[in-house]
Amino acid sequence: MTAVAAPAHAGRPVVHDRYADLADIRLAIALSAEDDAEDTEDDTGLDPFERTTCYTHRRWLHHCVSSPLHVIVVTGYRWCRRCEREVWVAVDELTGDVSLSCAKCGEMPPGPANRRLVRACRASLAAAAEAKAHPHDEPWTVRSPRRLPSRRHAA
């Protein structure tokens, strides 16, 4: 799993307007950075299956990966081809454990998509834990005329 550097403007990470209302600034920075890394013009961009954040749900991946929207039959992402069933995801935020099991056979389906999912969820857990441990370490700006309230005045 490759960490994505936050986009920078004058040395400060940038938050896209789409994420400007999120209370977790580090999440907003990570979402923005991964969006930018994914939207490159060449083949060097971030693979969408390597993201630690979810563009659709605007959350850390491990918080929403169990949503039916994350089942992608074509790629085998959260899918057991052998049983043709959805794969369940269990995430333990205390231990950092991530496990997948088929809804029918109960086993972790083989294949790169599900292994990547486990790695991405573990990276998401680590990033969220780091954000929680150091919520105000990263400076930020917003790409819009709207500004977020100062962290000093936040409730």
Protein backbone atom coordinates (compact mmCIF):
# COMPACT_ATOMS: atom_id res chain seq x y z
CA MET A 1 0.00 0.00 0.00
CA THR A 2 1.48 3.31 -1.05
CA ALA A 3 0.74 6.40 0.97
CA VAL A 4 -0.46 9.36 -1.06
CA ALA A 5 1.08 12.70 -0.26
CA ALA A 6 -1.39 15.48 0.32
CA PRO A 7 -1.68 17.97 -2.52
CA ALA A 8 0.12 21.12 -1.55
CA HIS A 9 -0.27 24.80 -2.21
CA ALA A 10 2.57 26.86 -0.81
CA GLY A 11 3.57 23.86 1.32
CA ARG A 12 0.09 23.36 2.79
CA PRO A 13 -2.24 20.43 2.05
CA VAL A 14 -5.39 21.32 0.13
CA VAL A 15 -8.98 20.36 0.90
CA HIS A 16 -11.31 20.18 -2.09
CA ASP A 17 -14.58 22.07 -1.75
CA ARG A 18 -16.48 18.73 -1.84
CA TYR A 19 -14.94 17.86 1.54
CA ALA A 20 -14.83 21.34 3.13
CA ASP A 21 -17.73 20.56 5.47
CA LEU A 22 -16.14 17.45 7.02
CA ALA A 23 -15.27 17.77 10.70
CA ASP A 24 -12.21 15.50 10.34
CA ILE A 25 -9.68 17.72 8.57
CA ARG A 26 -7.22 14.87 8.06
CA LEU A 27 -9.94 12.82 6.37
CA ALA A 28 -10.74 15.78 4.11
CA ILE A 29 -7.04 16.14 3.23
CA ALA A 30 -6.71 12.40 2.55
CA LEU A 31 -9.84 12.34 0.36
CA SER A 32 -8.56 15.33 -1.61
CA ALA A 33 -5.08 13.85 -2.02
CA GLU A 34 -6.41 10.49 -3.19
CA ASP A 35 -8.83 12.18 -5.63
CA ASP A 36 -5.91 14.14 -7.10
CA ALA A 37 -3.66 11.07 -7.22
CA GLU A 38 -6.35 9.03 -8.95
CA ASP A 39 -7.12 11.75 -11.52
CA THR A 40 -3.76 11.79 -13.27
CA GLU A 41 -3.45 11.91 -17.06
CA ASP A 42 -1.15 8.90 -17.31
CA ASP A 43 -0.87 5.38 -15.89
CA THR A 44 1.02 6.52 -12.80
CA GLY A 45 -2.11 7.52 -10.90
CA LEU A 46 -3.51 5.90 -7.79
CA ASP A 47 -5.49 2.73 -8.47
CA PRO A 48 -9.05 3.25 -7.12
CA PHE A 49 -8.78 -0.10 -5.32
CA GLU A 50 -5.76 1.16 -3.36
CA ARG A 51 -7.63 4.08 -1.77
CA THR A 52 -7.84 4.35 2.02
CA THR A 53 -10.79 6.73 1.72
CA CYS A 54 -14.14 6.44 -0.05
CA TYR A 55 -15.13 9.14 -2.53
CA THR A 56 -18.80 8.03 -2.50
CA HIS A 57 -19.35 7.93 1.25
CA ARG A 58 -16.74 10.62 2.11
CA ARG A 59 -15.35 8.41 4.87
CA TRP A 60 -12.34 6.31 5.76
CA LEU A 61 -12.66 3.09 3.77
CA HIS A 62 -12.90 0.84 6.83
CA HIS A 63 -16.00 2.77 7.99
CA CYS A 64 -18.06 2.07 4.87
CA VAL A 65 -16.51 -0.95 3.13
CA SER A 66 -19.40 -3.16 4.27
CA SER A 67 -21.83 -1.11 2.16
CA PRO A 68 -23.35 -3.01 -0.79
CA LEU A 69 -21.95 -0.26 -3.03
CA HIS A 70 -18.48 -1.71 -2.42
CA VAL A 71 -19.36 -5.11 -3.92
CA ILE A 72 -17.95 -5.20 -7.46
CA VAL A 73 -18.67 -8.52 -9.12
CA VAL A 74 -16.60 -7.86 -12.25
CA THR A 75 -13.33 -7.33 -10.35
CA GLY A 76 -14.03 -9.76 -7.52
CA TYR A 77 -13.94 -6.94 -4.96
CA ARG A 78 -16.01 -8.19 -1.99
CA TRP A 79 -17.25 -11.08 -4.14
CA CYS A 80 -16.82 -14.86 -3.94
CA ARG A 81 -16.74 -16.15 -7.51
CA ARG A 82 -16.88 -19.78 -6.39
CA CYS A 83 -20.21 -19.28 -4.56
CA GLU A 84 -21.37 -16.23 -6.52
CA ARG A 85 -22.11 -14.43 -3.29
CA GLU A 86 -21.25 -11.20 -1.52
CA VAL A 87 -18.28 -11.22 0.83
CA TRP A 88 -18.82 -9.92 4.34
CA VAL A 89 -16.25 -7.64 5.94
CA ALA A 90 -15.43 -7.51 9.63
CA VAL A 91 -13.25 -4.64 10.85
CA ASP A 92 -12.03 -4.54 14.45
CA GLU A 93 -10.84 -1.00 15.12
CA LEU A 94 -9.30 -1.96 18.47
CA THR A 95 -7.02 -4.71 17.17
CA GLY A 96 -6.70 -3.50 13.57
CA ASP A 97 -7.92 -6.85 12.31
CA VAL A 98 -9.74 -7.00 8.97
CA SER A 99 -11.32 -10.23 7.78
CA LEU A 100 -13.43 -11.21 4.81
CA SER A 101 -15.77 -14.18 4.58
CA CYS A 102 -18.14 -15.41 1.91
CA ALA A 103 -21.81 -15.16 2.85
CA LYS A 104 -22.30 -18.79 1.71
CA CYS A 105 -19.11 -20.83 2.34
CA GLY A 106 -17.73 -18.65 5.14
CA GLU A 107 -14.21 -18.63 3.68
CA MET A 108 -12.03 -15.75 2.50
CA PRO A 109 -12.27 -15.89 -1.29
CA PRO A 110 -8.93 -16.13 -3.09
CA GLY A 111 -7.87 -13.44 -5.50
CA PRO A 112 -6.02 -10.17 -5.64
CA ALA A 113 -9.06 -7.89 -5.29
CA ASN A 114 -9.99 -9.15 -1.84
CA ARG A 115 -6.36 -9.18 -0.66
CA ARG A 116 -6.03 -5.56 -1.82
CA LEU A 117 -9.22 -4.72 0.06
CA VAL A 118 -7.77 -6.09 3.31
CA ARG A 119 -4.56 -4.08 2.79
CA ALA A 120 -6.52 -0.90 1.97
CA CYS A 121 -8.71 -1.32 5.07
CA ARG A 122 -5.66 -1.83 7.28
CA ALA A 123 -4.06 1.29 5.82
CA SER A 124 -7.34 3.16 6.36
CA LEU A 125 -7.41 2.04 10.00
CA ALA A 126 -3.84 3.24 10.49
CA ALA A 127 -4.51 6.61 8.83
CA ALA A 128 -7.67 7.18 10.87
CA ALA A 129 -5.84 6.27 14.08
CA GLU A 130 -3.05 8.71 13.20
CA ALA A 131 -5.63 11.41 12.46
CA LYS A 132 -7.33 10.80 15.79
CA ALA A 133 -4.03 10.85 17.68
CA HIS A 134 -2.84 14.11 16.03
CA PRO A 135 -5.95 15.96 14.84
CA HIS A 136 -4.35 19.38 14.44
CA ASP A 137 -0.87 18.58 13.11
CA GLU A 138 -1.61 19.26 9.44
CA PRO A 139 -2.20 22.77 8.09
CA TRP A 140 -4.92 23.05 5.46
CA THR A 141 -6.59 25.35 2.98
CA VAL A 142 -9.86 25.17 1.09
CA ARG A 143 -10.22 25.42 -2.71
CA SER A 144 -13.18 27.77 -2.67
CA PRO A 145 -14.15 31.20 -1.44
CA ARG A 146 -15.82 29.51 1.56
CA ARG A 147 -13.59 28.99 4.56
CA LEU A 148 -14.00 26.54 7.37
CA PRO A 149 -14.25 27.89 10.91
CA SER A 150 -11.02 28.24 12.81
CA ARG A 151 -10.05 25.15 14.78
CA ARG A 152 -9.61 27.37 17.83
CA HIS A 153 -13.33 28.22 17.76
CA ALA A 154 -14.59 24.76 16.83
CA ALA A 155 -16.79 23.10 19.41
